[in-house]
N, C-alpha and C. Protein backbone atom coordinates (compact mmCIF):
# COMPACT_ATOMS: atom_id res chain seq x y z
N MET A 1 -54.56 45.77 67.42
CA MET A 1 -54.71 44.74 68.44
C MET A 1 -54.96 45.41 69.78
N VAL A 2 -56.05 45.10 70.37
CA VAL A 2 -56.38 45.62 71.69
C VAL A 2 -55.84 44.64 72.71
N VAL A 3 -54.97 45.15 73.56
CA VAL A 3 -54.33 44.30 74.55
C VAL A 3 -55.17 44.35 75.82
N SER A 4 -55.75 43.20 76.18
CA SER A 4 -56.60 43.16 77.36
C SER A 4 -55.97 42.38 78.50
N LYS A 5 -54.81 41.80 78.24
CA LYS A 5 -54.14 41.08 79.32
C LYS A 5 -52.65 41.41 79.28
N ARG A 6 -52.00 41.07 80.35
CA ARG A 6 -50.58 41.37 80.47
C ARG A 6 -49.78 40.62 79.42
N VAL A 7 -48.70 41.25 78.98
CA VAL A 7 -47.85 40.67 77.94
C VAL A 7 -47.29 39.33 78.38
N SER A 8 -46.95 39.19 79.62
CA SER A 8 -46.37 37.93 80.08
C SER A 8 -47.34 36.76 79.96
N TYR A 9 -48.61 37.03 79.75
CA TYR A 9 -49.62 35.98 79.56
C TYR A 9 -50.01 35.78 78.10
N TRP A 10 -49.37 36.52 77.19
CA TRP A 10 -49.70 36.38 75.77
C TRP A 10 -49.34 34.98 75.29
N THR A 11 -50.17 34.47 74.41
CA THR A 11 -49.89 33.21 73.74
C THR A 11 -48.97 33.47 72.55
N VAL A 12 -48.50 32.42 71.94
CA VAL A 12 -47.69 32.55 70.73
C VAL A 12 -48.49 33.28 69.65
N ALA A 13 -49.76 32.97 69.52
CA ALA A 13 -50.61 33.61 68.51
C ALA A 13 -50.74 35.11 68.78
N GLU A 14 -50.84 35.51 70.04
CA GLU A 14 -50.95 36.93 70.38
C GLU A 14 -49.65 37.67 70.11
N VAL A 15 -48.52 37.04 70.38
CA VAL A 15 -47.23 37.64 70.05
C VAL A 15 -47.12 37.80 68.54
N PHE A 16 -47.50 36.75 67.82
CA PHE A 16 -47.46 36.78 66.36
C PHE A 16 -48.32 37.94 65.84
N ASP A 17 -49.52 38.10 66.37
CA ASP A 17 -50.42 39.19 65.95
C ASP A 17 -49.81 40.55 66.26
N TRP A 18 -49.19 40.69 67.43
CA TRP A 18 -48.58 41.97 67.81
C TRP A 18 -47.47 42.34 66.83
N VAL A 19 -46.62 41.38 66.52
CA VAL A 19 -45.52 41.63 65.59
C VAL A 19 -46.06 41.97 64.20
N ARG A 20 -47.03 41.21 63.74
CA ARG A 20 -47.59 41.45 62.42
C ARG A 20 -48.24 42.83 62.31
N GLU A 21 -48.95 43.24 63.36
CA GLU A 21 -49.59 44.56 63.35
C GLU A 21 -48.59 45.69 63.55
N ARG A 22 -47.61 45.47 64.38
CA ARG A 22 -46.62 46.51 64.69
C ARG A 22 -45.66 46.74 63.53
N TYR A 23 -45.33 45.70 62.80
CA TYR A 23 -44.35 45.78 61.71
C TYR A 23 -44.91 45.16 60.43
N PRO A 24 -45.93 45.76 59.85
CA PRO A 24 -46.58 45.14 58.69
C PRO A 24 -45.70 45.05 57.45
N THR A 25 -44.70 45.91 57.32
CA THR A 25 -43.87 45.90 56.11
C THR A 25 -42.54 45.18 56.32
N HIS A 26 -42.30 44.73 57.53
CA HIS A 26 -41.03 44.06 57.82
C HIS A 26 -41.03 42.66 57.24
N PRO A 27 -39.88 42.20 56.76
CA PRO A 27 -39.79 40.82 56.27
C PRO A 27 -40.27 39.82 57.33
N ARG A 28 -40.70 38.71 56.89
CA ARG A 28 -41.35 37.74 57.75
C ARG A 28 -40.42 36.90 58.63
N ALA A 29 -39.15 37.21 58.68
CA ALA A 29 -38.21 36.39 59.46
C ALA A 29 -38.63 36.30 60.93
N LEU A 30 -39.03 37.42 61.51
CA LEU A 30 -39.42 37.41 62.91
C LEU A 30 -40.72 36.65 63.11
N GLN A 31 -41.67 36.87 62.23
CA GLN A 31 -42.95 36.15 62.34
C GLN A 31 -42.73 34.65 62.24
N GLN A 32 -41.88 34.23 61.31
CA GLN A 32 -41.59 32.82 61.15
C GLN A 32 -40.89 32.26 62.39
N ALA A 33 -39.99 33.04 62.96
CA ALA A 33 -39.27 32.60 64.16
C ALA A 33 -40.22 32.45 65.34
N ILE A 34 -41.18 33.36 65.47
CA ILE A 34 -42.15 33.28 66.56
C ILE A 34 -42.93 31.98 66.48
N ALA A 35 -43.39 31.66 65.29
CA ALA A 35 -44.15 30.43 65.12
C ALA A 35 -43.28 29.19 65.32
N LYS A 36 -42.11 29.20 64.71
CA LYS A 36 -41.22 28.02 64.77
C LYS A 36 -40.73 27.73 66.19
N HIS A 37 -40.40 28.78 66.93
CA HIS A 37 -39.81 28.60 68.26
C HIS A 37 -40.81 28.83 69.39
N ALA A 38 -42.08 28.99 69.05
CA ALA A 38 -43.15 29.14 70.05
C ALA A 38 -42.84 30.25 71.06
N ILE A 39 -42.62 31.45 70.55
CA ILE A 39 -42.28 32.59 71.40
C ILE A 39 -43.55 33.18 71.99
N SER A 40 -43.72 32.98 73.26
CA SER A 40 -44.87 33.50 74.00
C SER A 40 -44.54 34.89 74.53
N GLY A 41 -45.49 35.49 75.20
CA GLY A 41 -45.28 36.82 75.78
C GLY A 41 -44.16 36.83 76.80
N ARG A 42 -44.09 35.80 77.60
CA ARG A 42 -43.04 35.72 78.61
C ARG A 42 -41.66 35.67 77.97
N VAL A 43 -41.54 34.90 76.89
CA VAL A 43 -40.27 34.82 76.17
C VAL A 43 -39.98 36.14 75.47
N LEU A 44 -41.00 36.74 74.88
CA LEU A 44 -40.83 38.02 74.20
C LEU A 44 -40.22 39.07 75.12
N LEU A 45 -40.69 39.13 76.34
CA LEU A 45 -40.19 40.12 77.30
C LEU A 45 -38.72 39.90 77.66
N ARG A 46 -38.21 38.71 77.40
CA ARG A 46 -36.82 38.39 77.73
C ARG A 46 -35.89 38.41 76.52
N MET A 47 -36.42 38.78 75.36
CA MET A 47 -35.61 38.77 74.13
C MET A 47 -34.45 39.76 74.23
N ARG A 48 -33.33 39.34 73.68
CA ARG A 48 -32.12 40.16 73.62
C ARG A 48 -31.59 40.16 72.20
N LYS A 49 -30.64 41.01 71.94
CA LYS A 49 -30.06 41.15 70.61
C LYS A 49 -29.47 39.83 70.09
N GLU A 50 -28.79 39.12 70.95
CA GLU A 50 -28.16 37.87 70.55
C GLU A 50 -29.20 36.85 70.08
N GLN A 51 -30.31 36.80 70.78
CA GLN A 51 -31.37 35.87 70.39
C GLN A 51 -31.97 36.27 69.04
N LEU A 52 -32.16 37.55 68.84
CA LEU A 52 -32.71 38.02 67.57
C LEU A 52 -31.77 37.68 66.42
N SER A 53 -30.48 37.81 66.65
CA SER A 53 -29.50 37.45 65.62
C SER A 53 -29.60 35.97 65.27
N ARG A 54 -29.69 35.13 66.30
CA ARG A 54 -29.80 33.69 66.06
C ARG A 54 -31.09 33.32 65.33
N LEU A 55 -32.13 34.14 65.52
CA LEU A 55 -33.41 33.88 64.85
C LEU A 55 -33.43 34.40 63.42
N GLY A 56 -32.36 35.10 63.02
CA GLY A 56 -32.27 35.59 61.65
C GLY A 56 -32.88 36.96 61.42
N VAL A 57 -33.08 37.71 62.51
CA VAL A 57 -33.64 39.05 62.39
C VAL A 57 -32.53 40.01 61.96
N GLU A 58 -32.81 40.83 60.97
CA GLU A 58 -31.83 41.76 60.42
C GLU A 58 -31.32 42.72 61.48
N PRO A 59 -30.01 42.97 61.52
CA PRO A 59 -29.45 43.88 62.52
C PRO A 59 -30.08 45.27 62.52
N LYS A 60 -30.42 45.80 61.35
CA LYS A 60 -30.99 47.15 61.29
C LYS A 60 -32.37 47.22 61.94
N PHE A 61 -33.04 46.10 62.08
CA PHE A 61 -34.36 46.05 62.69
C PHE A 61 -34.31 45.73 64.19
N GLN A 62 -33.23 45.13 64.63
CA GLN A 62 -33.14 44.66 66.01
C GLN A 62 -33.31 45.77 67.04
N GLN A 63 -32.68 46.91 66.82
CA GLN A 63 -32.76 48.01 67.79
C GLN A 63 -34.19 48.51 67.96
N GLU A 64 -34.87 48.70 66.85
CA GLU A 64 -36.27 49.16 66.90
C GLU A 64 -37.14 48.14 67.65
N PHE A 65 -36.96 46.89 67.32
CA PHE A 65 -37.74 45.84 67.96
C PHE A 65 -37.46 45.79 69.46
N LEU A 66 -36.20 45.86 69.84
CA LEU A 66 -35.85 45.79 71.26
C LEU A 66 -36.36 47.00 72.03
N GLN A 67 -36.43 48.15 71.39
CA GLN A 67 -37.02 49.32 72.05
C GLN A 67 -38.51 49.10 72.32
N ASP A 68 -39.19 48.50 71.36
CA ASP A 68 -40.61 48.21 71.56
C ASP A 68 -40.82 47.16 72.65
N VAL A 69 -39.95 46.17 72.71
CA VAL A 69 -40.03 45.17 73.77
C VAL A 69 -39.76 45.83 75.13
N LEU A 70 -38.82 46.77 75.16
CA LEU A 70 -38.55 47.49 76.41
C LEU A 70 -39.80 48.23 76.88
N LEU A 71 -40.52 48.85 75.97
CA LEU A 71 -41.77 49.53 76.34
C LEU A 71 -42.79 48.54 76.90
N LEU A 72 -42.85 47.36 76.32
CA LEU A 72 -43.75 46.33 76.85
C LEU A 72 -43.32 45.91 78.26
N ARG A 73 -42.00 45.81 78.48
CA ARG A 73 -41.50 45.47 79.83
C ARG A 73 -41.88 46.54 80.84
N ILE A 74 -41.75 47.79 80.43
CA ILE A 74 -42.10 48.90 81.32
C ILE A 74 -43.58 48.86 81.66
N GLU A 75 -44.42 48.63 80.66
CA GLU A 75 -45.86 48.52 80.91
C GLU A 75 -46.16 47.39 81.89
N GLU A 76 -45.47 46.29 81.72
CA GLU A 76 -45.65 45.14 82.60
C GLU A 76 -45.24 45.50 84.04
N GLU A 77 -44.12 46.18 84.19
CA GLU A 77 -43.67 46.58 85.53
C GLU A 77 -44.63 47.59 86.17
N LEU A 78 -45.14 48.51 85.37
CA LEU A 78 -46.12 49.46 85.91
C LEU A 78 -47.37 48.75 86.39
N GLU A 79 -47.79 47.75 85.65
CA GLU A 79 -48.94 46.94 86.07
C GLU A 79 -48.64 46.24 87.38
N ASN A 80 -47.42 45.72 87.52
CA ASN A 80 -47.01 45.08 88.79
C ASN A 80 -47.09 46.07 89.94
N LEU A 81 -46.60 47.27 89.71
CA LEU A 81 -46.63 48.30 90.76
C LEU A 81 -48.06 48.70 91.10
N ASN A 82 -48.90 48.83 90.10
CA ASN A 82 -50.30 49.16 90.35
C ASN A 82 -50.99 48.09 91.18
N ASN A 83 -50.64 46.85 90.95
CA ASN A 83 -51.24 45.75 91.71
C ASN A 83 -50.81 45.77 93.17
N ILE A 84 -49.62 46.25 93.42
CA ILE A 84 -49.12 46.34 94.80
C ILE A 84 -49.88 47.40 95.59
N TYR A 85 -50.17 48.52 94.93
CA TYR A 85 -50.78 49.66 95.63
C TYR A 85 -52.28 49.68 95.60
N TYR A 86 -52.91 48.81 94.85
CA TYR A 86 -54.38 48.82 94.78
C TYR A 86 -54.97 47.50 95.14
């Protein structure tokens, strides 16, 4: 998936595609939760462990997923900083 826009502007379909591509062998609980609860990019960036638990995401997968979301948050913040200076 080539990301051409900021994560906070991702649609539910784009979040779904990112998860599917990033975790192709992971059980579909997260993918189903994204569709069912309409998790957009903005919501994705705010995800926490407690929310993942409520969505039925396995505890052993939560840490990996949250680390990847943290990287997306960092990329978003760097983009914000770049916009300030340019």
